[in-house]
Amino acid sequence: MKKKMKVLIALVCLGAVYLVTKEMENKPISDLAFQNIEALAQGEGPENHVCFNYGDIDCYGVKVDYKMTGLNLDPERETE
């Protein structure tokens, strides 16, 4: 009985995964969704930045070796 239940649950999960992938196939991301993804990636700080390792450069109160700013997901938007 337990084996039949496990097989049934596995089949239901596989069916759900198949239906979701079939539904999402060939659907481009809308501009609004793209802007939301970029807004979530930016965080709460004044600019997009990533800080690496420990060093001499100030990165919002932390001394780092390398600071990368102007991160952006939009290929058409210019960075400074």
C-alpha atoms as a PDB file:
ATOM      1  CA  MET A   1       0.000   0.000   0.000  1.00  0.00           C
ATOM      2  CA  LYS A   2       2.805   2.438   0.908  1.00  0.00           C
ATOM      3  CA  LYS A   3       4.634   1.622  -2.310  1.00  0.00           C
ATOM      4  CA  LYS A   4       1.505   2.375  -4.370  1.00  0.00           C
ATOM      5  CA  MET A   5       1.079   5.717  -2.577  1.00  0.00           C
ATOM      6  CA  LYS A   6       4.709   6.688  -3.233  1.00  0.00           C
ATOM      7  CA  VAL A   7       4.359   5.805  -6.921  1.00  0.00           C
ATOM      8  CA  LEU A   8       1.111   7.791  -7.154  1.00  0.00           C
ATOM      9  CA  ILE A   9       2.685  10.846  -5.494  1.00  0.00           C
ATOM     10  CA  ALA A  10       5.714  10.602  -7.787  1.00  0.00           C
ATOM     11  CA  LEU A  11       3.466  10.431 -10.864  1.00  0.00           C
ATOM     12  CA  VAL A  12       1.440  13.432  -9.711  1.00  0.00           C
ATOM     13  CA  CYS A  13       4.643  15.436  -9.130  1.00  0.00           C
ATOM     14  CA  LEU A  14       6.047  14.489 -12.529  1.00  0.00           C
ATOM     15  CA  GLY A  15       2.758  15.440 -14.176  1.00  0.00           C
ATOM     16  CA  ALA A  16       2.758  18.809 -12.422  1.00  0.00           C
ATOM     17  CA  VAL A  17       6.339  19.528 -13.485  1.00  0.00           C
ATOM     18  CA  TYR A  18       5.504  18.581 -17.078  1.00  0.00           C
ATOM     19  CA  LEU A  19       2.432  20.853 -17.153  1.00  0.00           C
ATOM     20  CA  VAL A  20       4.326  23.817 -15.680  1.00  0.00           C
ATOM     21  CA  THR A  21       7.225  23.490 -18.119  1.00  0.00           C
ATOM     22  CA  LYS A  22       4.819  23.070 -21.041  1.00  0.00           C
ATOM     23  CA  GLU A  23       2.905  26.201 -19.973  1.00  0.00           C
ATOM     24  CA  MET A  24       6.041  28.349 -19.602  1.00  0.00           C
ATOM     25  CA  GLU A  25       7.565  27.231 -22.900  1.00  0.00           C
ATOM     26  CA  ASN A  26       8.431  30.032 -25.343  1.00  0.00           C
ATOM     27  CA  LYS A  27       6.959  32.843 -23.254  1.00  0.00           C
ATOM     28  CA  PRO A  28       9.193  35.924 -23.171  1.00  0.00           C
ATOM     29  CA  ILE A  29       9.521  37.939 -19.990  1.00  0.00           C
ATOM     30  CA  SER A  30       7.437  41.102 -20.106  1.00  0.00           C
ATOM     31  CA  ASP A  31       9.030  44.522 -19.626  1.00  0.00           C
ATOM     32  CA  LEU A  32       7.267  44.928 -16.286  1.00  0.00           C
ATOM     33  CA  ALA A  33       8.593  41.596 -15.008  1.00  0.00           C
ATOM     34  CA  PHE A  34      12.071  42.554 -16.236  1.00  0.00           C
ATOM     35  CA  GLN A  35      11.889  45.870 -14.362  1.00  0.00           C
ATOM     36  CA  ASN A  36      10.711  44.073 -11.204  1.00  0.00           C
ATOM     37  CA  ILE A  37      13.614  41.623 -11.392  1.00  0.00           C
ATOM     38  CA  GLU A  38      16.059  44.501 -11.788  1.00  0.00           C
ATOM     39  CA  ALA A  39      14.487  46.407  -8.873  1.00  0.00           C
ATOM     40  CA  LEU A  40      14.794  43.364  -6.627  1.00  0.00           C
ATOM     41  CA  ALA A  41      18.406  42.872  -7.682  1.00  0.00           C
ATOM     42  CA  GLN A  42      19.300  46.481  -6.846  1.00  0.00           C
ATOM     43  CA  GLY A  43      18.581  46.266  -3.129  1.00  0.00           C
ATOM     44  CA  GLU A  44      18.011  49.207  -0.811  1.00  0.00           C
ATOM     45  CA  GLY A  45      21.335  51.025  -1.201  1.00  0.00           C
ATOM     46  CA  PRO A  46      21.947  54.194  -3.209  1.00  0.00           C
ATOM     47  CA  GLU A  47      23.501  52.257  -6.113  1.00  0.00           C
ATOM     48  CA  ASN A  48      24.117  48.733  -7.303  1.00  0.00           C
ATOM     49  CA  HIS A  49      27.439  47.458  -6.064  1.00  0.00           C
ATOM     50  CA  VAL A  50      29.323  44.298  -5.202  1.00  0.00           C
ATOM     51  CA  CYS A  51      32.325  44.259  -2.878  1.00  0.00           C
ATOM     52  CA  PHE A  52      35.049  41.588  -2.953  1.00  0.00           C
ATOM     53  CA  ASN A  53      37.668  40.448  -0.424  1.00  0.00           C
ATOM     54  CA  TYR A  54      39.325  42.560   2.270  1.00  0.00           C
ATOM     55  CA  GLY A  55      41.502  45.517   1.313  1.00  0.00           C
ATOM     56  CA  ASP A  56      41.872  49.324   1.323  1.00  0.00           C
ATOM     57  CA  ILE A  57      38.815  50.514  -0.659  1.00  0.00           C
ATOM     58  CA  ASP A  58      35.823  51.757   1.354  1.00  0.00           C
ATOM     59  CA  CYS A  59      32.590  49.999   0.452  1.00  0.00           C
ATOM     60  CA  TYR A  60      29.863  51.493   2.665  1.00  0.00           C
ATOM     61  CA  GLY A  61      31.825  51.164   5.880  1.00  0.00           C
ATOM     62  CA  VAL A  62      33.713  47.974   4.997  1.00  0.00           C
ATOM     63  CA  LYS A  63      37.271  47.944   3.656  1.00  0.00           C
ATOM     64  CA  VAL A  64      37.433  45.770   0.515  1.00  0.00           C
ATOM     65  CA  ASP A  65      39.908  44.854  -2.208  1.00  0.00           C
ATOM     66  CA  TYR A  66      37.568  45.499  -5.161  1.00  0.00           C
ATOM     67  CA  LYS A  67      34.249  47.343  -5.556  1.00  0.00           C
ATOM     68  CA  MET A  68      32.104  46.928  -8.673  1.00  0.00           C
ATOM     69  CA  THR A  69      29.315  49.483  -9.225  1.00  0.00           C
ATOM     70  CA  GLY A  70      26.695  50.236 -11.864  1.00  0.00           C
ATOM     71  CA  LEU A  71      25.342  46.692 -12.075  1.00  0.00           C
ATOM     72  CA  ASN A  72      22.353  46.420 -14.373  1.00  0.00           C
ATOM     73  CA  LEU A  73      20.252  43.743 -16.086  1.00  0.00           C
ATOM     74  CA  ASP A  74      19.048  45.976 -18.928  1.00  0.00           C
ATOM     75  CA  PRO A  75      21.438  45.660 -21.916  1.00  0.00           C
ATOM     76  CA  GLU A  76      20.256  48.979 -23.415  1.00  0.00           C
ATOM     77  CA  ARG A  77      20.738  51.085 -20.282  1.00  0.00           C
ATOM     78  CA  GLU A  78      24.047  52.936 -20.082  1.00  0.00           C
ATOM     79  CA  THR A  79      26.160  52.663 -16.945  1.00  0.00           C
ATOM     80  CA  GLU A  80      28.376  55.455 -15.676  1.00  0.00           C
END
